Amino acid sequence: DSLFFETFNRNKKSLSLDLSTAAGREVIEDLV
């Protein structure tokens, strides 16, 4: 956490996702 991050990211959601993996690619494609 940082006040810098808070400044630019209110009202957003967060998902940790590793796009370098095939499984991560499957998730991002479903989100697209």
PDB file of all heavy atoms in Angstrom:
ATOM      1  N   ASP A   1       0.836  -1.197   0.000  1.00  0.00           N
ATOM      2  CA  ASP A   1       0.000   0.000   0.000  1.00  0.00           C
ATOM      3  C   ASP A   1       0.870   1.246   0.000  1.00  0.00           C
ATOM      4  O   ASP A   1       1.893   1.298   0.684  1.00  0.00           O
ATOM      5  CB  ASP A   1      -0.906   0.027   1.230  1.00  0.00           C
ATOM      6  CG  ASP A   1      -1.915  -1.101   1.243  1.00  0.00           C
ATOM      7  OD1 ASP A   1      -2.879  -1.019   0.456  1.00  0.00           O
ATOM      8  OD2 ASP A   1      -1.734  -2.060   2.015  1.00  0.00           O
ATOM      9  N   SER A   2       0.460   2.238  -0.767  1.00  0.00           N
ATOM     10  CA  SER A   2       1.130   3.533  -0.736  1.00  0.00           C
ATOM     11  C   SER A   2       0.112   4.611  -1.063  1.00  0.00           C
ATOM     12  O   SER A   2      -0.893   4.359  -1.758  1.00  0.00           O
ATOM     13  CB  SER A   2       2.281   3.586  -1.749  1.00  0.00           C
ATOM     14  OG  SER A   2       1.793   3.725  -3.075  1.00  0.00           O
ATOM     15  N   LEU A   3       0.368   5.806  -0.574  1.00  0.00           N
ATOM     16  CA  LEU A   3      -0.517   6.915  -0.907  1.00  0.00           C
ATOM     17  C   LEU A   3      -0.391   7.287  -2.384  1.00  0.00           C
ATOM     18  O   LEU A   3      -1.337   7.814  -2.979  1.00  0.00           O
ATOM     19  CB  LEU A   3      -0.216   8.122  -0.021  1.00  0.00           C
ATOM     20  CG  LEU A   3      -0.635   7.979   1.443  1.00  0.00           C
ATOM     21  CD1 LEU A   3      -0.365   9.276   2.204  1.00  0.00           C
ATOM     22  CD2 LEU A   3      -2.114   7.595   1.571  1.00  0.00           C
ATOM     23  N   PHE A   4       0.763   7.020  -2.987  1.00  0.00           N
ATOM     24  CA  PHE A   4       0.899   7.202  -4.438  1.00  0.00           C
ATOM     25  C   PHE A   4      -0.108   6.308  -5.160  1.00  0.00           C
ATOM     26  O   PHE A   4      -0.861   6.774  -6.027  1.00  0.00           O
ATOM     27  CB  PHE A   4       2.327   6.850  -4.863  1.00  0.00           C
ATOM     28  CG  PHE A   4       2.596   7.019  -6.339  1.00  0.00           C
ATOM     29  CD1 PHE A   4       3.186   8.162  -6.821  1.00  0.00           C
ATOM     30  CD2 PHE A   4       2.264   6.013  -7.252  1.00  0.00           C
ATOM     31  CE1 PHE A   4       3.438   8.326  -8.186  1.00  0.00           C
ATOM     32  CE2 PHE A   4       2.505   6.161  -8.599  1.00  0.00           C
ATOM     33  CZ  PHE A   4       3.096   7.317  -9.070  1.00  0.00           C
ATOM     34  N   PHE A   5      -0.146   5.047  -4.821  1.00  0.00           N
ATOM     35  CA  PHE A   5      -1.061   4.105  -5.466  1.00  0.00           C
ATOM     36  C   PHE A   5      -2.510   4.500  -5.214  1.00  0.00           C
ATOM     37  O   PHE A   5      -3.357   4.440  -6.119  1.00  0.00           O
ATOM     38  CB  PHE A   5      -0.796   2.691  -4.934  1.00  0.00           C
ATOM     39  CG  PHE A   5      -1.641   1.631  -5.584  1.00  0.00           C
ATOM     40  CD1 PHE A   5      -1.317   1.121  -6.829  1.00  0.00           C
ATOM     41  CD2 PHE A   5      -2.775   1.139  -4.943  1.00  0.00           C
ATOM     42  CE1 PHE A   5      -2.101   0.148  -7.433  1.00  0.00           C
ATOM     43  CE2 PHE A   5      -3.562   0.160  -5.538  1.00  0.00           C
ATOM     44  CZ  PHE A   5      -3.228  -0.335  -6.786  1.00  0.00           C
ATOM     45  N   GLU A   6      -2.800   4.919  -4.012  1.00  0.00           N
ATOM     46  CA  GLU A   6      -4.172   5.328  -3.674  1.00  0.00           C
ATOM     47  C   GLU A   6      -4.630   6.484  -4.552  1.00  0.00           C
ATOM     48  O   GLU A   6      -5.784   6.550  -4.961  1.00  0.00           O
ATOM     49  CB  GLU A   6      -4.244   5.717  -2.199  1.00  0.00           C
ATOM     50  CG  GLU A   6      -5.628   6.130  -1.720  1.00  0.00           C
ATOM     51  CD  GLU A   6      -6.615   4.975  -1.677  1.00  0.00           C
ATOM     52  OE1 GLU A   6      -6.180   3.813  -1.599  1.00  0.00           O
ATOM     53  OE2 GLU A   6      -7.832   5.240  -1.724  1.00  0.00           O
ATOM     54  N   THR A   7      -3.717   7.393  -4.861  1.00  0.00           N
ATOM     55  CA  THR A   7      -4.058   8.577  -5.655  1.00  0.00           C
ATOM     56  C   THR A   7      -4.637   8.212  -7.019  1.00  0.00           C
ATOM     57  O   THR A   7      -5.563   8.867  -7.513  1.00  0.00           O
ATOM     58  CB  THR A   7      -2.804   9.452  -5.860  1.00  0.00           C
ATOM     59  OG1 THR A   7      -2.275   9.830  -4.593  1.00  0.00           O
ATOM     60  CG2 THR A   7      -3.128  10.699  -6.680  1.00  0.00           C
ATOM     61  N   PHE A   8      -4.105   7.142  -7.644  1.00  0.00           N
ATOM     62  CA  PHE A   8      -4.437   6.838  -9.028  1.00  0.00           C
ATOM     63  C   PHE A   8      -5.382   5.643  -9.208  1.00  0.00           C
ATOM     64  O   PHE A   8      -5.705   5.303 -10.351  1.00  0.00           O
ATOM     65  CB  PHE A   8      -3.151   6.552  -9.815  1.00  0.00           C
ATOM     66  CG  PHE A   8      -2.197   7.703  -9.858  1.00  0.00           C
ATOM     67  CD1 PHE A   8      -1.065   7.718  -9.061  1.00  0.00           C
ATOM     68  CD2 PHE A   8      -2.427   8.787 -10.686  1.00  0.00           C
ATOM     69  CE1 PHE A   8      -0.178   8.779  -9.091  1.00  0.00           C
ATOM     70  CE2 PHE A   8      -1.558   9.858 -10.731  1.00  0.00           C
ATOM     71  CZ  PHE A   8      -0.423   9.853  -9.921  1.00  0.00           C
ATOM     72  N   ASN A   9      -5.814   5.010  -8.126  1.00  0.00           N
ATOM     73  CA  ASN A   9      -6.495   3.732  -8.316  1.00  0.00           C
ATOM     74  C   ASN A   9      -7.784   3.542  -7.533  1.00  0.00           C
ATOM     75  O   ASN A   9      -8.259   2.415  -7.397  1.00  0.00           O
ATOM     76  CB  ASN A   9      -5.512   2.596  -7.982  1.00  0.00           C
ATOM     77  CG  ASN A   9      -4.401   2.502  -8.995  1.00  0.00           C
ATOM     78  OD1 ASN A   9      -4.583   2.030 -10.108  1.00  0.00           O
ATOM     79  ND2 ASN A   9      -3.222   2.992  -8.611  1.00  0.00           N
ATOM     80  N   ARG A  10      -8.368   4.613  -7.039  1.00  0.00           N
ATOM     81  CA  ARG A  10      -9.639   4.459  -6.346  1.00  0.00           C
ATOM     82  C   ARG A  10     -10.711   3.964  -7.318  1.00  0.00           C
ATOM     83  O   ARG A  10     -10.615   4.147  -8.536  1.00  0.00           O
ATOM     84  CB  ARG A  10     -10.063   5.782  -5.689  1.00  0.00           C
ATOM     85  CG  ARG A  10     -10.360   6.892  -6.654  1.00  0.00           C
ATOM     86  CD  ARG A  10     -10.936   8.129  -5.963  1.00  0.00           C
ATOM     87  NE  ARG A  10     -11.118   9.193  -6.943  1.00  0.00           N
ATOM     88  CZ  ARG A  10     -10.326  10.245  -7.080  1.00  0.00           C
ATOM     89  NH1 ARG A  10      -9.287  10.390  -6.272  1.00  0.00           N
ATOM     90  NH2 ARG A  10     -10.550  11.152  -8.014  1.00  0.00           N
ATOM     91  N   ASN A  11     -11.712   3.344  -6.773  1.00  0.00           N
ATOM     92  CA  ASN A  11     -12.881   2.867  -7.535  1.00  0.00           C
ATOM     93  C   ASN A  11     -12.559   1.752  -8.526  1.00  0.00           C
ATOM     94  O   ASN A  11     -13.375   1.438  -9.396  1.00  0.00           O
ATOM     95  CB  ASN A  11     -13.577   4.013  -8.271  1.00  0.00           C
ATOM     96  CG  ASN A  11     -14.388   4.892  -7.337  1.00  0.00           C
ATOM     97  OD1 ASN A  11     -14.736   4.477  -6.231  1.00  0.00           O
ATOM     98  ND2 ASN A  11     -14.684   6.104  -7.758  1.00  0.00           N
ATOM     99  N   LYS A  12     -11.377   1.131  -8.411  1.00  0.00           N
ATOM    100  CA  LYS A  12     -11.018   0.054  -9.329  1.00  0.00           C
ATOM    101  C   LYS A  12     -11.065  -1.300  -8.622  1.00  0.00           C
ATOM    102  O   LYS A  12     -11.146  -1.383  -7.393  1.00  0.00           O
ATOM    103  CB  LYS A  12      -9.614   0.292  -9.895  1.00  0.00           C
ATOM    104  CG  LYS A  12      -9.472   1.600 -10.674  1.00  0.00           C
ATOM    105  CD  LYS A  12      -8.074   1.787 -11.202  1.00  0.00           C
ATOM    106  CE  LYS A  12      -7.901   3.149 -11.863  1.00  0.00           C
ATOM    107  NZ  LYS A  12      -6.524   3.352 -12.378  1.00  0.00           N
ATOM    108  N   LYS A  13     -11.004  -2.359  -9.412  1.00  0.00           N
ATOM    109  CA  LYS A  13     -10.899  -3.719  -8.905  1.00  0.00           C
ATOM    110  C   LYS A  13      -9.518  -4.261  -9.258  1.00  0.00           C
ATOM    111  O   LYS A  13      -8.853  -3.737 -10.157  1.00  0.00           O
ATOM    112  CB  LYS A  13     -11.989  -4.606  -9.512  1.00  0.00           C
ATOM    113  CG  LYS A  13     -13.408  -4.156  -9.174  1.00  0.00           C
ATOM    114  CD  LYS A  13     -14.451  -5.034  -9.843  1.00  0.00           C
ATOM    115  CE  LYS A  13     -15.863  -4.569  -9.489  1.00  0.00           C
ATOM    116  NZ  LYS A  13     -16.908  -5.400 -10.154  1.00  0.00           N
ATOM    117  N   SER A  14      -9.092  -5.305  -8.546  1.00  0.00           N
ATOM    118  CA  SER A  14      -7.770  -5.865  -8.810  1.00  0.00           C
ATOM    119  C   SER A  14      -7.842  -7.377  -8.933  1.00  0.00           C
ATOM    120  O   SER A  14      -8.521  -8.046  -8.146  1.00  0.00           O
ATOM    121  CB  SER A  14      -6.793  -5.492  -7.687  1.00  0.00           C
ATOM    122  OG  SER A  14      -5.553  -6.174  -7.860  1.00  0.00           O
ATOM    123  N   LEU A  15      -7.118  -7.891  -9.951  1.00  0.00           N
ATOM    124  CA  LEU A  15      -6.980  -9.325 -10.153  1.00  0.00           C
ATOM    125  C   LEU A  15      -5.521  -9.638 -10.426  1.00  0.00           C
ATOM    126  O   LEU A  15      -4.930  -9.093 -11.356  1.00  0.00           O
ATOM    127  CB  LEU A  15      -7.830  -9.785 -11.343  1.00  0.00           C
ATOM    128  CG  LEU A  15      -7.690 -11.257 -11.751  1.00  0.00           C
ATOM    129  CD1 LEU A  15      -8.238 -12.177 -10.659  1.00  0.00           C
ATOM    130  CD2 LEU A  15      -8.389 -11.517 -13.082  1.00  0.00           C
ATOM    131  N   SER A  16      -4.909 -10.495  -9.601  1.00  0.00           N
ATOM    132  CA  SER A  16      -3.556 -10.967  -9.879  1.00  0.00           C
ATOM    133  C   SER A  16      -3.625 -12.036 -10.957  1.00  0.00           C
ATOM    134  O   SER A  16      -4.326 -13.043 -10.793  1.00  0.00           O
ATOM    135  CB  SER A  16      -2.917 -11.537  -8.603  1.00  0.00           C
ATOM    136  OG  SER A  16      -2.601 -10.506  -7.698  1.00  0.00           O
ATOM    137  N   LEU A  17      -2.909 -11.815 -12.051  1.00  0.00           N
ATOM    138  CA  LEU A  17      -2.992 -12.743 -13.173  1.00  0.00           C
ATOM    139  C   LEU A  17      -1.650 -12.770 -13.896  1.00  0.00           C
ATOM    140  O   LEU A  17      -1.129 -11.724 -14.301  1.00  0.00           O
ATOM    141  CB  LEU A  17      -4.095 -12.297 -14.135  1.00  0.00           C
ATOM    142  CG  LEU A  17      -4.454 -13.242 -15.281  1.00  0.00           C
ATOM    143  CD1 LEU A  17      -4.971 -14.573 -14.744  1.00  0.00           C
ATOM    144  CD2 LEU A  17      -5.497 -12.591 -16.192  1.00  0.00           C
ATOM    145  N   ASP A  18      -1.101 -13.958 -14.048  1.00  0.00           N
ATOM    146  CA  ASP A  18       0.187 -14.134 -14.713  1.00  0.00           C
ATOM    147  C   ASP A  18      -0.043 -14.418 -16.193  1.00  0.00           C
ATOM    148  O   ASP A  18      -0.361 -15.539 -16.600  1.00  0.00           O
ATOM    149  CB  ASP A  18       0.959 -15.285 -14.054  1.00  0.00           C
ATOM    150  CG  ASP A  18       2.383 -15.407 -14.587  1.00  0.00           C
ATOM    151  OD1 ASP A  18       2.697 -14.754 -15.598  1.00  0.00           O
ATOM    152  OD2 ASP A  18       3.164 -16.158 -13.984  1.00  0.00           O
ATOM    153  N   LEU A  19       0.132 -13.384 -17.007  1.00  0.00           N
ATOM    154  CA  LEU A  19      -0.129 -13.504 -18.441  1.00  0.00           C
ATOM    155  C   LEU A  19       0.948 -14.281 -19.173  1.00  0.00           C
ATOM    156  O   LEU A  19       0.792 -14.597 -20.353  1.00  0.00           O
ATOM    157  CB  LEU A  19      -0.274 -12.110 -19.061  1.00  0.00           C
ATOM    158  CG  LEU A  19      -1.441 -11.266 -18.548  1.00  0.00           C
ATOM    159  CD1 LEU A  19      -1.461  -9.911 -19.240  1.00  0.00           C
ATOM    160  CD2 LEU A  19      -2.766 -11.987 -18.759  1.00  0.00           C
ATOM    161  N   SER A  20       2.042 -14.606 -18.484  1.00  0.00           N
ATOM    162  CA  SER A  20       3.099 -15.385 -19.134  1.00  0.00           C
ATOM    163  C   SER A  20       2.782 -16.876 -19.156  1.00  0.00           C
ATOM    164  O   SER A  20       3.465 -17.641 -19.837  1.00  0.00           O
ATOM    165  CB  SER A  20       4.437 -15.160 -18.414  1.00  0.00           C
ATOM    166  OG  SER A  20       4.439 -15.786 -17.139  1.00  0.00           O
ATOM    167  N   THR A  21       1.752 -17.283 -18.437  1.00  0.00           N
ATOM    168  CA  THR A  21       1.375 -18.702 -18.397  1.00  0.00           C
ATOM    169  C   THR A  21       0.223 -18.971 -19.353  1.00  0.00           C
ATOM    170  O   THR A  21      -0.597 -18.080 -19.636  1.00  0.00           O
ATOM    171  CB  THR A  21       0.954 -19.116 -16.977  1.00  0.00           C
ATOM    172  OG1 THR A  21      -0.254 -18.423 -16.614  1.00  0.00           O
ATOM    173  CG2 THR A  21       2.041 -18.786 -15.961  1.00  0.00           C
ATOM    174  N   ALA A  22       0.140 -20.182 -19.827  1.00  0.00           N
ATOM    175  CA  ALA A  22      -0.973 -20.566 -20.701  1.00  0.00           C
ATOM    176  C   ALA A  22      -2.299 -20.445 -19.962  1.00  0.00           C
ATOM    177  O   ALA A  22      -3.312 -20.022 -20.540  1.00  0.00           O
ATOM    178  CB  ALA A  22      -0.767 -21.992 -21.202  1.00  0.00           C
ATOM    179  N   ALA A  23      -2.303 -20.811 -18.685  1.00  0.00           N
ATOM    180  CA  ALA A  23      -3.533 -20.726 -17.908  1.00  0.00           C
ATOM    181  C   ALA A  23      -3.961 -19.270 -17.719  1.00  0.00           C
ATOM    182  O   ALA A  23      -5.153 -18.939 -17.798  1.00  0.00           O
ATOM    183  CB  ALA A  23      -3.336 -21.395 -16.547  1.00  0.00           C
ATOM    184  N   GLY A  24      -2.984 -18.388 -17.482  1.00  0.00           N
ATOM    185  CA  GLY A  24      -3.299 -16.966 -17.363  1.00  0.00           C
ATOM    186  C   GLY A  24      -3.854 -16.411 -18.656  1.00  0.00           C
ATOM    187  O   GLY A  24      -4.765 -15.573 -18.656  1.00  0.00           O
ATOM    188  N   ARG A  25      -3.324 -16.898 -19.785  1.00  0.00           N
ATOM    189  CA  ARG A  25      -3.831 -16.469 -21.085  1.00  0.00           C
ATOM    190  C   ARG A  25      -5.282 -16.894 -21.267  1.00  0.00           C
ATOM    191  O   ARG A  25      -6.100 -16.128 -21.791  1.00  0.00           O
ATOM    192  CB  ARG A  25      -2.967 -17.067 -22.197  1.00  0.00           C
ATOM    193  CG  ARG A  25      -3.400 -16.682 -23.610  1.00  0.00           C
ATOM    194  CD  ARG A  25      -3.151 -15.211 -23.872  1.00  0.00           C
ATOM    195  NE  ARG A  25      -3.687 -14.786 -25.161  1.00  0.00           N
ATOM    196  CZ  ARG A  25      -3.499 -13.572 -25.689  1.00  0.00           C
ATOM    197  NH1 ARG A  25      -2.794 -12.671 -25.025  1.00  0.00           N
ATOM    198  NH2 ARG A  25      -4.006 -13.256 -26.856  1.00  0.00           N
ATOM    199  N   GLU A  26      -5.625 -18.064 -20.809  1.00  0.00           N
ATOM    200  CA  GLU A  26      -7.007 -18.527 -20.913  1.00  0.00           C
ATOM    201  C   GLU A  26      -7.947 -17.601 -20.144  1.00  0.00           C
ATOM    202  O   GLU A  26      -9.047 -17.277 -20.617  1.00  0.00           O
ATOM    203  CB  GLU A  26      -7.123 -19.957 -20.379  1.00  0.00           C
ATOM    204  CG  GLU A  26      -6.435 -21.004 -21.245  1.00  0.00           C
ATOM    205  CD  GLU A  26      -6.496 -22.393 -20.631  1.00  0.00           C
ATOM    206  OE1 GLU A  26      -7.397 -22.623 -19.787  1.00  0.00           O
ATOM    207  OE2 GLU A  26      -5.650 -23.245 -20.979  1.00  0.00           O
ATOM    208  N   VAL A  27      -7.522 -17.170 -18.969  1.00  0.00           N
ATOM    209  CA  VAL A  27      -8.368 -16.292 -18.157  1.00  0.00           C
ATOM    210  C   VAL A  27      -8.543 -14.935 -18.834  1.00  0.00           C
ATOM    211  O   VAL A  27      -9.661 -14.412 -18.925  1.00  0.00           O
ATOM    212  CB  VAL A  27      -7.780 -16.122 -16.747  1.00  0.00           C
ATOM    213  CG1 VAL A  27      -8.601 -15.103 -15.949  1.00  0.00           C
ATOM    214  CG2 VAL A  27      -7.742 -17.454 -16.013  1.00  0.00           C
ATOM    215  N   ILE A  28      -7.453 -14.341 -19.319  1.00  0.00           N
ATOM    216  CA  ILE A  28      -7.572 -13.020 -19.941  1.00  0.00           C
ATOM    217  C   ILE A  28      -8.441 -13.111 -21.191  1.00  0.00           C
ATOM    218  O   ILE A  28      -9.216 -12.191 -21.493  1.00  0.00           O
ATOM    219  CB  ILE A  28      -6.191 -12.407 -20.252  1.00  0.00           C
ATOM    220  CG1 ILE A  28      -6.321 -10.903 -20.532  1.00  0.00           C
ATOM    221  CG2 ILE A  28      -5.512 -13.077 -21.423  1.00  0.00           C
ATOM    222  CD1 ILE A  28      -6.651 -10.078 -19.347  1.00  0.00           C
ATOM    223  N   GLU A  29      -8.363 -14.226 -21.918  1.00  0.00           N
ATOM    224  CA  GLU A  29      -9.210 -14.355 -23.106  1.00  0.00           C
ATOM    225  C   GLU A  29     -10.683 -14.471 -22.719  1.00  0.00           C
ATOM    226  O   GLU A  29     -11.551 -13.910 -23.407  1.00  0.00           O
ATOM    227  CB  GLU A  29      -8.747 -15.556 -23.938  1.00  0.00           C
ATOM    228  CG  GLU A  29      -7.404 -15.318 -24.612  1.00  0.00           C
ATOM    229  CD  GLU A  29      -7.046 -16.381 -25.630  1.00  0.00           C
ATOM    230  OE1 GLU A  29      -7.793 -17.389 -25.749  1.00  0.00           O
ATOM    231  OE2 GLU A  29      -6.016 -16.213 -26.327  1.00  0.00           O
ATOM    232  N   ASP A  30     -10.971 -15.166 -21.627  1.00  0.00           N
ATOM    233  CA  ASP A  30     -12.363 -15.219 -21.167  1.00  0.00           C
ATOM    234  C   ASP A  30     -12.850 -13.839 -20.740  1.00  0.00           C
ATOM    235  O   ASP A  30     -14.005 -13.471 -20.977  1.00  0.00           O
ATOM    236  CB  ASP A  30     -12.487 -16.197 -19.989  1.00  0.00           C
ATOM    237  CG  ASP A  30     -12.453 -17.656 -20.435  1.00  0.00           C
ATOM    238  OD1 ASP A  30     -12.642 -17.912 -21.643  1.00  0.00           O
ATOM    239  OD2 ASP A  30     -12.228 -18.528 -19.572  1.00  0.00           O
ATOM    240  N   LEU A  31     -11.967 -13.054 -20.132  1.00  0.00           N
ATOM    241  CA  LEU A  31     -12.339 -11.692 -19.737  1.00  0.00           C
ATOM    242  C   LEU A  31     -12.555 -10.794 -20.953  1.00  0.00           C
ATOM    243  O   LEU A  31     -13.453  -9.946 -20.967  1.00  0.00           O
ATOM    244  CB  LEU A  31     -11.259 -11.098 -18.828  1.00  0.00           C
ATOM    245  CG  LEU A  31     -11.224 -11.632 -17.398  1.00  0.00           C
ATOM    246  CD1 LEU A  31      -9.946 -11.198 -16.684  1.00  0.00           C
ATOM    247  CD2 LEU A  31     -12.449 -11.165 -16.610  1.00  0.00           C
ATOM    248  N   VAL A  32     -11.741 -10.978 -21.987  1.00  0.00           N
ATOM    249  CA  VAL A  32     -11.905 -10.184 -23.207  1.00  0.00           C
ATOM    250  C   VAL A  32     -13.285 -10.423 -23.816  1.00  0.00           C
ATOM    251  O   VAL A  32     -13.922  -9.499 -24.337  1.00  0.00           O
ATOM    252  CB  VAL A  32     -10.789 -10.518 -24.226  1.00  0.00           C
ATOM    253  CG1 VAL A  32     -11.124  -9.957 -25.613  1.00  0.00           C
ATOM    254  CG2 VAL A  32      -9.453  -9.968 -23.739  1.00  0.00           C
TER     255      VAL A  32
END
